[in-house]
């Protein structure tokens, strides 16, 4: 059976100094995004949109801050296909 297509979204904010920080997002240990955060949080935040094909059940989302000494990230409003989903300790259920 084919895995069903979903869209994971979440808002991402970051306080940083000096150079823009880089982050990575993994779903079930697969690298989905790697990018620099270059936006000004006083005016905006990033909405990450990650297309996935996942079976029903438990999955993991891991966020890696590559600049922990100069940047702090906050993830909020985790959703799948527009529906709020609990993300606890990096785990979620579809």
Protein backbone atom coordinates (compact mmCIF):
# COMPACT_ATOMS: atom_id res chain seq x y z
CA UNK A 1 0.00 0.00 0.00
CA UNK A 2 1.29 3.48 -0.86
CA UNK A 3 1.99 5.90 1.93
CA UNK A 4 -0.41 8.83 2.08
CA UNK A 5 0.88 12.34 1.34
CA UNK A 6 0.83 14.89 4.18
CA UNK A 7 2.17 18.37 4.76
CA UNK A 8 3.91 19.17 8.04
CA UNK A 9 3.97 22.86 8.97
CA UNK A 10 5.26 24.82 11.95
CA UNK A 11 6.27 28.36 12.79
CA UNK A 12 9.94 28.93 13.57
CA UNK A 13 11.39 31.89 15.44
CA UNK A 14 15.02 32.51 16.32
CA UNK A 15 17.02 34.92 18.44
CA UNK A 16 20.53 35.16 17.05
CA UNK A 17 23.58 37.37 16.96
CA UNK A 18 26.51 37.78 14.63
CA UNK A 19 26.08 35.47 11.62
CA UNK A 20 22.74 33.91 10.58
CA UNK A 21 22.42 30.45 12.17
CA UNK A 22 21.87 27.22 10.26
CA UNK A 23 19.36 24.55 11.22
CA UNK A 24 18.28 21.12 10.06
CA UNK A 25 14.93 19.36 10.29
CA UNK A 26 14.65 15.56 10.23
CA UNK A 27 11.50 13.44 9.96
CA UNK A 28 12.01 9.82 10.99
CA UNK A 29 15.78 10.43 10.83
CA UNK A 30 15.61 11.62 7.20
CA UNK A 31 17.02 15.09 6.52
CA UNK A 32 14.17 17.22 5.15
CA UNK A 33 15.49 20.81 5.44
CA UNK A 34 18.79 22.58 5.98
CA UNK A 35 18.93 26.35 5.75
CA UNK A 36 20.16 29.60 7.24
CA UNK A 37 17.78 31.67 9.34
CA UNK A 38 18.22 35.20 7.97
CA UNK A 39 14.92 36.79 9.03
CA UNK A 40 14.29 39.47 11.65
CA UNK A 41 11.98 38.10 14.36
CA UNK A 42 10.80 41.56 15.35
CA UNK A 43 8.91 41.65 12.05
CA UNK A 44 8.46 38.06 10.90
CA UNK A 45 8.93 34.35 11.46
CA UNK A 46 9.36 31.39 9.14
CA UNK A 47 6.61 28.90 8.36
CA UNK A 48 8.30 25.64 7.46
CA UNK A 49 6.32 23.42 5.07
CA UNK A 50 7.60 19.88 4.68
CA UNK A 51 5.86 17.45 2.32
CA UNK A 52 6.03 13.86 3.58
CA UNK A 53 4.54 10.45 2.84
CA UNK A 54 3.98 8.72 6.18
CA UNK A 55 2.08 5.65 7.32
CA UNK A 56 -0.34 5.90 10.24
CA UNK A 57 1.41 5.59 13.59
CA UNK A 58 4.17 7.25 15.60
CA UNK A 59 6.87 9.32 13.91
CA UNK A 60 9.73 11.58 14.97
CA UNK A 61 10.64 15.15 14.12
CA UNK A 62 14.10 16.29 15.18
CA UNK A 63 15.39 19.83 14.99
CA UNK A 64 19.15 20.46 14.96
CA UNK A 65 20.56 23.89 15.74
CA UNK A 66 24.05 24.07 14.20
CA UNK A 67 24.86 27.31 16.07
CA UNK A 68 23.79 26.62 19.66
CA UNK A 69 26.23 29.14 21.12
CA UNK A 70 24.84 32.11 19.17
CA UNK A 71 21.23 31.18 18.37
CA UNK A 72 18.10 29.95 20.11
CA UNK A 73 15.15 28.59 18.11
CA UNK A 74 11.49 28.27 19.10
CA UNK A 75 9.10 26.03 17.17
CA UNK A 76 5.35 26.58 17.57
CA UNK A 77 2.00 25.64 16.01
CA UNK A 78 2.99 22.18 14.76
CA UNK A 79 0.38 20.96 12.26
CA UNK A 80 -0.20 18.19 9.78
CA UNK A 81 -2.46 19.03 6.85
CA UNK A 82 -3.66 22.12 8.73
CA UNK A 83 -4.66 20.22 11.91
CA UNK A 84 -2.96 20.86 15.25
CA UNK A 85 -0.91 17.84 16.33
CA UNK A 86 0.83 17.25 19.65
CA UNK A 87 4.61 17.12 19.34
CA UNK A 88 6.05 15.72 22.56
CA UNK A 89 9.76 15.02 22.93
CA UNK A 90 10.04 15.06 19.14
CA UNK A 91 7.32 12.42 18.65
CA UNK A 92 3.94 12.75 16.93
CA UNK A 93 1.20 10.38 15.79
CA UNK A 94 -0.72 10.39 12.52
